[in-house]
């Protein structure tokens, strides 16, 4: 699931701080992972910037921040 400003993304965020394709969430087996797609302003998980191009495991209640938008993982 892609996150970004592009209308081609599954989650579209209309915000100047968000790259066209900013990040993605991918399901691998029974777990979900977040990856920054080399964005300009970074992707944050629970207030910490995640490394670019690295998958980070998500847990229920995690806060994902892209630009000025924060989403909570269910």
PDB file of N, CA and C in Angstrom:
ATOM      1  N   UNK A   1       0.846  -1.152   0.000  1.00  0.00           N
ATOM      2  CA  UNK A   1       0.000   0.000   0.000  1.00  0.00           C
ATOM      3  C   UNK A   1       0.906   1.234   0.000  1.00  0.00           C
ATOM      4  N   UNK A   2       0.829   2.028  -1.041  1.00  0.00           N
ATOM      5  CA  UNK A   2       1.687   3.206  -1.152  1.00  0.00           C
ATOM      6  C   UNK A   2       1.017   4.429  -0.516  1.00  0.00           C
ATOM      7  N   UNK A   3       1.868   5.308   0.023  1.00  0.00           N
ATOM      8  CA  UNK A   3       1.430   6.539   0.681  1.00  0.00           C
ATOM      9  C   UNK A   3       2.163   7.697   0.013  1.00  0.00           C
ATOM     10  N   UNK A   4       1.436   8.741  -0.401  1.00  0.00           N
ATOM     11  CA  UNK A   4       2.093   9.886  -1.008  1.00  0.00           C
ATOM     12  C   UNK A   4       1.107  10.877  -1.603  1.00  0.00           C
ATOM     13  N   UNK A   5       1.640  11.888  -2.287  1.00  0.00           N
ATOM     14  CA  UNK A   5       0.820  12.922  -2.929  1.00  0.00           C
ATOM     15  C   UNK A   5       0.243  12.469  -4.267  1.00  0.00           C
ATOM     16  N   UNK A   6       0.886  11.498  -4.912  1.00  0.00           N
ATOM     17  CA  UNK A   6       0.444  11.057  -6.233  1.00  0.00           C
ATOM     18  C   UNK A   6      -0.958  10.448  -6.166  1.00  0.00           C
ATOM     19  N   UNK A   7      -1.812  10.784  -7.123  1.00  0.00           N
ATOM     20  CA  UNK A   7      -3.144  10.165  -7.152  1.00  0.00           C
ATOM     21  C   UNK A   7      -3.089   8.656  -7.400  1.00  0.00           C
ATOM     22  N   UNK A   8      -1.925   8.152  -7.807  1.00  0.00           N
ATOM     23  CA  UNK A   8      -1.763   6.713  -8.023  1.00  0.00           C
ATOM     24  C   UNK A   8      -1.539   5.943  -6.722  1.00  0.00           C
ATOM     25  N   UNK A   9      -1.273   6.651  -5.611  1.00  0.00           N
ATOM     26  CA  UNK A   9      -1.053   6.000  -4.315  1.00  0.00           C
ATOM     27  C   UNK A   9      -2.375   5.509  -3.735  1.00  0.00           C
ATOM     28  N   UNK A  10      -2.314   4.448  -2.931  1.00  0.00           N
ATOM     29  CA  UNK A  10      -3.521   3.950  -2.265  1.00  0.00           C
ATOM     30  C   UNK A  10      -3.965   4.904  -1.157  1.00  0.00           C
ATOM     31  N   UNK A  11      -3.006   5.516  -0.464  1.00  0.00           N
ATOM     32  CA  UNK A  11      -3.320   6.539   0.539  1.00  0.00           C
ATOM     33  C   UNK A  11      -2.751   7.852   0.023  1.00  0.00           C
ATOM     34  N   UNK A  12      -3.625   8.772  -0.396  1.00  0.00           N
ATOM     35  CA  UNK A  12      -3.210  10.051  -0.959  1.00  0.00           C
ATOM     36  C   UNK A  12      -3.266  11.115   0.127  1.00  0.00           C
ATOM     37  N   UNK A  13      -2.138  11.817   0.325  1.00  0.00           N
ATOM     38  CA  UNK A  13      -2.056  12.895   1.307  1.00  0.00           C
ATOM     39  C   UNK A  13      -1.677  14.168   0.562  1.00  0.00           C
ATOM     40  N   UNK A  14      -2.598  15.120   0.503  1.00  0.00           N
ATOM     41  CA  UNK A  14      -2.370  16.380  -0.200  1.00  0.00           C
ATOM     42  C   UNK A  14      -1.683  17.353   0.754  1.00  0.00           C
ATOM     43  N   UNK A  15      -0.354  17.286   0.806  1.00  0.00           N
ATOM     44  CA  UNK A  15       0.435  18.095   1.725  1.00  0.00           C
ATOM     45  C   UNK A  15       1.793  18.328   1.079  1.00  0.00           C
ATOM     46  N   UNK A  16       2.270  19.575   1.077  1.00  0.00           N
ATOM     47  CA  UNK A  16       3.542  19.904   0.422  1.00  0.00           C
ATOM     48  C   UNK A  16       4.737  19.197   1.043  1.00  0.00           C
ATOM     49  N   UNK A  17       4.628  18.752   2.290  1.00  0.00           N
ATOM     50  CA  UNK A  17       5.733  18.063   2.952  1.00  0.00           C
ATOM     51  C   UNK A  17       5.819  16.580   2.578  1.00  0.00           C
ATOM     52  N   UNK A  18       4.847  16.114   1.812  1.00  0.00           N
ATOM     53  CA  UNK A  18       4.767  14.703   1.430  1.00  0.00           C
ATOM     54  C   UNK A  18       5.281  14.536   0.002  1.00  0.00           C
ATOM     55  N   UNK A  19       6.166  13.563  -0.202  1.00  0.00           N
ATOM     56  CA  UNK A  19       6.684  13.261  -1.541  1.00  0.00           C
ATOM     57  C   UNK A  19       5.605  12.570  -2.371  1.00  0.00           C
ATOM     58  N   UNK A  20       5.807  12.564  -3.694  1.00  0.00           N
ATOM     59  CA  UNK A  20       4.807  11.932  -4.579  1.00  0.00           C
ATOM     60  C   UNK A  20       4.569  10.476  -4.175  1.00  0.00           C
ATOM     61  N   UNK A  21       5.616   9.711  -3.979  1.00  0.00           N
ATOM     62  CA  UNK A  21       5.516   8.375  -3.392  1.00  0.00           C
ATOM     63  C   UNK A  21       6.436   8.414  -2.178  1.00  0.00           C
ATOM     64  N   UNK A  22       5.853   8.569  -1.016  1.00  0.00           N
ATOM     65  CA  UNK A  22       6.587   8.879   0.210  1.00  0.00           C
ATOM     66  C   UNK A  22       7.009   7.621   0.978  1.00  0.00           C
ATOM     67  N   UNK A  23       6.073   6.700   1.144  1.00  0.00           N
ATOM     68  CA  UNK A  23       6.322   5.492   1.949  1.00  0.00           C
ATOM     69  C   UNK A  23       5.386   4.390   1.482  1.00  0.00           C
ATOM     70  N   UNK A  24       5.597   3.211   2.029  1.00  0.00           N
ATOM     71  CA  UNK A  24       4.674   2.118   1.730  1.00  0.00           C
ATOM     72  C   UNK A  24       4.528   1.223   2.953  1.00  0.00           C
ATOM     73  N   UNK A  25       3.394   0.555   3.003  1.00  0.00           N
ATOM     74  CA  UNK A  25       3.132  -0.457   4.026  1.00  0.00           C
ATOM     75  C   UNK A  25       2.957  -1.772   3.282  1.00  0.00           C
ATOM     76  N   UNK A  26       3.678  -2.781   3.724  1.00  0.00           N
ATOM     77  CA  UNK A  26       3.628  -4.073   3.050  1.00  0.00           C
ATOM     78  C   UNK A  26       3.358  -5.173   4.065  1.00  0.00           C
ATOM     79  N   UNK A  27       2.485  -6.091   3.690  1.00  0.00           N
ATOM     80  CA  UNK A  27       2.213  -7.249   4.528  1.00  0.00           C
ATOM     81  C   UNK A  27       3.143  -8.379   4.112  1.00  0.00           C
ATOM     82  N   UNK A  28       3.876  -8.909   5.077  1.00  0.00           N
ATOM     83  CA  UNK A  28       4.756 -10.051   4.850  1.00  0.00           C
ATOM     84  C   UNK A  28       4.343 -11.115   5.858  1.00  0.00           C
ATOM     85  N   UNK A  29       3.803 -12.217   5.334  1.00  0.00           N
ATOM     86  CA  UNK A  29       3.194 -13.270   6.153  1.00  0.00           C
ATOM     87  C   UNK A  29       2.093 -12.647   7.002  1.00  0.00           C
ATOM     88  N   UNK A  30       2.180 -12.687   8.323  1.00  0.00           N
ATOM     89  CA  UNK A  30       1.121 -12.150   9.180  1.00  0.00           C
ATOM     90  C   UNK A  30       1.458 -10.780   9.762  1.00  0.00           C
ATOM     91  N   UNK A  31       2.558 -10.178   9.334  1.00  0.00           N
ATOM     92  CA  UNK A  31       2.994  -8.901   9.894  1.00  0.00           C
ATOM     93  C   UNK A  31       2.980  -7.798   8.836  1.00  0.00           C
ATOM     94  N   UNK A  32       2.902  -6.562   9.301  1.00  0.00           N
ATOM     95  CA  UNK A  32       2.941  -5.396   8.428  1.00  0.00           C
ATOM     96  C   UNK A  32       4.227  -4.622   8.683  1.00  0.00           C
ATOM     97  N   UNK A  33       4.795  -4.084   7.595  1.00  0.00           N
ATOM     98  CA  UNK A  33       6.051  -3.361   7.662  1.00  0.00           C
ATOM     99  C   UNK A  33       5.917  -2.028   6.945  1.00  0.00           C
ATOM    100  N   UNK A  34       6.600  -1.020   7.482  1.00  0.00           N
ATOM    101  CA  UNK A  34       6.621   0.322   6.915  1.00  0.00           C
ATOM    102  C   UNK A  34       7.983   0.564   6.297  1.00  0.00           C
ATOM    103  N   UNK A  35       8.002   1.193   5.112  1.00  0.00           N
ATOM    104  CA  UNK A  35       9.270   1.526   4.459  1.00  0.00           C
ATOM    105  C   UNK A  35       9.183   2.927   3.883  1.00  0.00           C
ATOM    106  N   UNK A  36      10.184   3.750   4.164  1.00  0.00           N
ATOM    107  CA  UNK A  36      10.298   5.077   3.558  1.00  0.00           C
ATOM    108  C   UNK A  36      10.827   4.893   2.140  1.00  0.00           C
ATOM    109  N   UNK A  37      10.174   5.523   1.180  1.00  0.00           N
ATOM    110  CA  UNK A  37      10.554   5.363  -0.227  1.00  0.00           C
ATOM    111  C   UNK A  37      11.487   6.493  -0.677  1.00  0.00           C
ATOM    112  N   UNK A  38      12.549   6.728   0.109  1.00  0.00           N
ATOM    113  CA  UNK A  38      13.541   7.758  -0.222  1.00  0.00           C
ATOM    114  C   UNK A  38      12.895   9.140  -0.292  1.00  0.00           C
ATOM    115  N   UNK A  39      11.989   9.419   0.644  1.00  0.00           N
ATOM    116  CA  UNK A  39      11.273  10.694   0.665  1.00  0.00           C
ATOM    117  C   UNK A  39      12.199  11.835   1.073  1.00  0.00           C
ATOM    118  N   UNK A  40      11.801  13.042   0.722  1.00  0.00           N
ATOM    119  CA  UNK A  40      12.594  14.228   1.045  1.00  0.00           C
ATOM    120  C   UNK A  40      12.565  14.537   2.536  1.00  0.00           C
ATOM    121  N   UNK A  41      11.390  14.459   3.154  1.00  0.00           N
ATOM    122  CA  UNK A  41      11.222  14.882   4.549  1.00  0.00           C
ATOM    123  C   UNK A  41      11.154  13.737   5.553  1.00  0.00           C
ATOM    124  N   UNK A  42      11.274  12.516   5.098  1.00  0.00           N
ATOM    125  CA  UNK A  42      11.312  11.379   6.001  1.00  0.00           C
ATOM    126  C   UNK A  42       9.947  10.883   6.441  1.00  0.00           C
ATOM    127  N   UNK A  43       9.961   9.671   6.955  1.00  0.00           N
ATOM    128  CA  UNK A  43       8.781   9.015   7.516  1.00  0.00           C
ATOM    129  C   UNK A  43       9.101   8.711   8.971  1.00  0.00           C
ATOM    130  N   UNK A  44       8.138   8.991   9.845  1.00  0.00           N
ATOM    131  CA  UNK A  44       8.361   8.848  11.277  1.00  0.00           C
ATOM    132  C   UNK A  44       7.442   7.774  11.851  1.00  0.00           C
ATOM    133  N   UNK A  45       7.995   6.960  12.732  1.00  0.00           N
ATOM    134  CA  UNK A  45       7.236   5.930  13.439  1.00  0.00           C
ATOM    135  C   UNK A  45       7.382   6.206  14.920  1.00  0.00           C
ATOM    136  N   UNK A  46       6.263   6.508  15.560  1.00  0.00           N
ATOM    137  CA  UNK A  46       6.249   6.845  16.994  1.00  0.00           C
ATOM    138  C   UNK A  46       7.238   7.963  17.324  1.00  0.00           C
ATOM    139  N   UNK A  47       7.319   8.949  16.430  1.00  0.00           N
ATOM    140  CA  UNK A  47       8.150  10.129  16.663  1.00  0.00           C
ATOM    141  C   UNK A  47       9.598  10.000  16.253  1.00  0.00           C
ATOM    142  N   UNK A  48      10.000   8.826  15.752  1.00  0.00           N
ATOM    143  CA  UNK A  48      11.391   8.600  15.349  1.00  0.00           C
ATOM    144  C   UNK A  48      11.462   8.393  13.838  1.00  0.00           C
ATOM    145  N   UNK A  49      12.400   9.081  13.206  1.00  0.00           N
ATOM    146  CA  UNK A  49      12.569   8.926  11.756  1.00  0.00           C
ATOM    147  C   UNK A  49      13.100   7.531  11.449  1.00  0.00           C
ATOM    148  N   UNK A  50      12.450   6.859  10.497  1.00  0.00           N
ATOM    149  CA  UNK A  50      12.912   5.521  10.126  1.00  0.00           C
ATOM    150  C   UNK A  50      13.961   5.643   9.022  1.00  0.00           C
ATOM    151  N   UNK A  51      14.884   4.678   8.946  1.00  0.00           N
ATOM    152  CA  UNK A  51      15.902   4.715   7.895  1.00  0.00           C
ATOM    153  C   UNK A  51      15.261   4.558   6.511  1.00  0.00           C
ATOM    154  N   UNK A  52      15.808   5.252   5.524  1.00  0.00           N
ATOM    155  CA  UNK A  52      15.293   5.119   4.165  1.00  0.00           C
ATOM    156  C   UNK A  52      15.589   3.730   3.631  1.00  0.00           C
ATOM    157  N   UNK A  53      14.618   3.223   2.856  1.00  0.00           N
ATOM    158  CA  UNK A  53      14.754   1.937   2.167  1.00  0.00           C
ATOM    159  C   UNK A  53      14.890   0.733   3.097  1.00  0.00           C
ATOM    160  N   UNK A  54      14.533   0.870   4.383  1.00  0.00           N
ATOM    161  CA  UNK A  54      14.572  -0.253   5.331  1.00  0.00           C
ATOM    162  C   UNK A  54      13.147  -0.544   5.792  1.00  0.00           C
ATOM    163  N   UNK A  55      12.814  -1.809   5.919  1.00  0.00           N
ATOM    164  CA  UNK A  55      11.505  -2.194   6.436  1.00  0.00           C
ATOM    165  C   UNK A  55      11.522  -2.179   7.963  1.00  0.00           C
ATOM    166  N   UNK A  56      10.490  -1.570   8.549  1.00  0.00           N
ATOM    167  CA  UNK A  56      10.344  -1.503  10.005  1.00  0.00           C
ATOM    168  C   UNK A  56       9.000  -2.127  10.356  1.00  0.00           C
ATOM    169  N   UNK A  57       9.006  -3.102  11.276  1.00  0.00           N
ATOM    170  CA  UNK A  57       7.780  -3.807  11.648  1.00  0.00           C
ATOM    171  C   UNK A  57       6.820  -2.869  12.365  1.00  0.00           C
ATOM    172  N   UNK A  58       5.541  -2.976  12.004  1.00  0.00           N
ATOM    173  CA  UNK A  58       4.487  -2.183  12.633  1.00  0.00           C
ATOM    174  C   UNK A  58       3.732  -3.021  13.656  1.00  0.00           C
ATOM    175  N   UNK A  59       3.296  -2.348  14.709  1.00  0.00           N
ATOM    176  CA  UNK A  59       2.473  -2.974  15.739  1.00  0.00           C
ATOM    177  C   UNK A  59       1.193  -2.174  15.908  1.00  0.00           C
ATOM    178  N   UNK A  60       0.177  -2.790  16.428  1.00  0.00           N
ATOM    179  CA  UNK A  60      -1.085  -2.107  16.686  1.00  0.00           C
ATOM    180  C   UNK A  60      -0.840  -0.907  17.600  1.00  0.00           C
ATOM    181  N   UNK A  61      -1.397   0.244  17.232  1.00  0.00           N
ATOM    182  CA  UNK A  61      -1.240   1.464  18.033  1.00  0.00           C
ATOM    183  C   UNK A  61      -0.063   2.321  17.624  1.00  0.00           C
ATOM    184  N   UNK A  62       0.809   1.832  16.718  1.00  0.00           N
ATOM    185  CA  UNK A  62       1.933   2.640  16.246  1.00  0.00           C
ATOM    186  C   UNK A  62       1.425   3.877  15.519  1.00  0.00           C
ATOM    187  N   UNK A  63       2.155   4.985  15.677  1.00  0.00           N
ATOM    188  CA  UNK A  63       1.816   6.246  15.009  1.00  0.00           C
ATOM    189  C   UNK A  63       2.786   6.471  13.855  1.00  0.00           C
ATOM    190  N   UNK A  64       2.236   6.552  12.646  1.00  0.00           N
ATOM    191  CA  UNK A  64       3.012   6.796  11.431  1.00  0.00           C
ATOM    192  C   UNK A  64       2.779   8.246  11.031  1.00  0.00           C
ATOM    193  N   UNK A  65       3.858   9.020  10.906  1.00  0.00           N
ATOM    194  CA  UNK A  65       3.740  10.420  10.524  1.00  0.00           C
ATOM    195  C   UNK A  65       4.413  10.634   9.178  1.00  0.00           C
ATOM    196  N   UNK A  66       3.637  11.206   8.256  1.00  0.00           N
ATOM    197  CA  UNK A  66       4.095  11.535   6.909  1.00  0.00           C
ATOM    198  C   UNK A  66       3.699  12.993   6.682  1.00  0.00           C
ATOM    199  N   UNK A  67       4.698  13.868   6.493  1.00  0.00           N
ATOM    200  CA  UNK A  67       4.394  15.288   6.411  1.00  0.00           C
ATOM    201  C   UNK A  67       3.817  15.761   7.728  1.00  0.00           C
ATOM    202  N   UNK A  68       2.658  16.400   7.673  1.00  0.00           N
ATOM    203  CA  UNK A  68       2.020  16.866   8.896  1.00  0.00           C
ATOM    204  C   UNK A  68       0.835  15.978   9.302  1.00  0.00           C
ATOM    205  N   UNK A  69       0.738  14.795   8.680  1.00  0.00           N
ATOM    206  CA  UNK A  69      -0.370  13.878   8.937  1.00  0.00           C
ATOM    207  C   UNK A  69       0.124  12.678   9.748  1.00  0.00           C
ATOM    208  N   UNK A  70      -0.594  12.356  10.821  1.00  0.00           N
ATOM    209  CA  UNK A  70      -0.270  11.183  11.627  1.00  0.00           C
ATOM    210  C   UNK A  70      -1.412  10.179  11.527  1.00  0.00           C
ATOM    211  N   UNK A  71      -1.037   8.928  11.229  1.00  0.00           N
ATOM    212  CA  UNK A  71      -1.995   7.833  11.138  1.00  0.00           C
ATOM    213  C   UNK A  71      -1.688   6.817  12.225  1.00  0.00           C
ATOM    214  N   UNK A  72      -2.689   6.151  12.745  1.00  0.00           N
ATOM    215  CA  UNK A  72      -2.490   5.154  13.791  1.00  0.00           C
ATOM    216  C   UNK A  72      -2.794   3.776  13.219  1.00  0.00           C
ATOM    217  N   UNK A  73      -1.831   2.872  13.418  1.00  0.00           N
ATOM    218  CA  UNK A  73      -1.985   1.494  12.927  1.00  0.00           C
ATOM    219  C   UNK A  73      -2.993   0.761  13.812  1.00  0.00           C
ATOM    220  N   UNK A  74      -3.994   0.183  13.175  1.00  0.00           N
ATOM    221  CA  UNK A  74      -5.042  -0.540  13.923  1.00  0.00           C
ATOM    222  C   UNK A  74      -4.581  -1.930  14.274  1.00  0.00           C
TER     223      UNK A  74
END
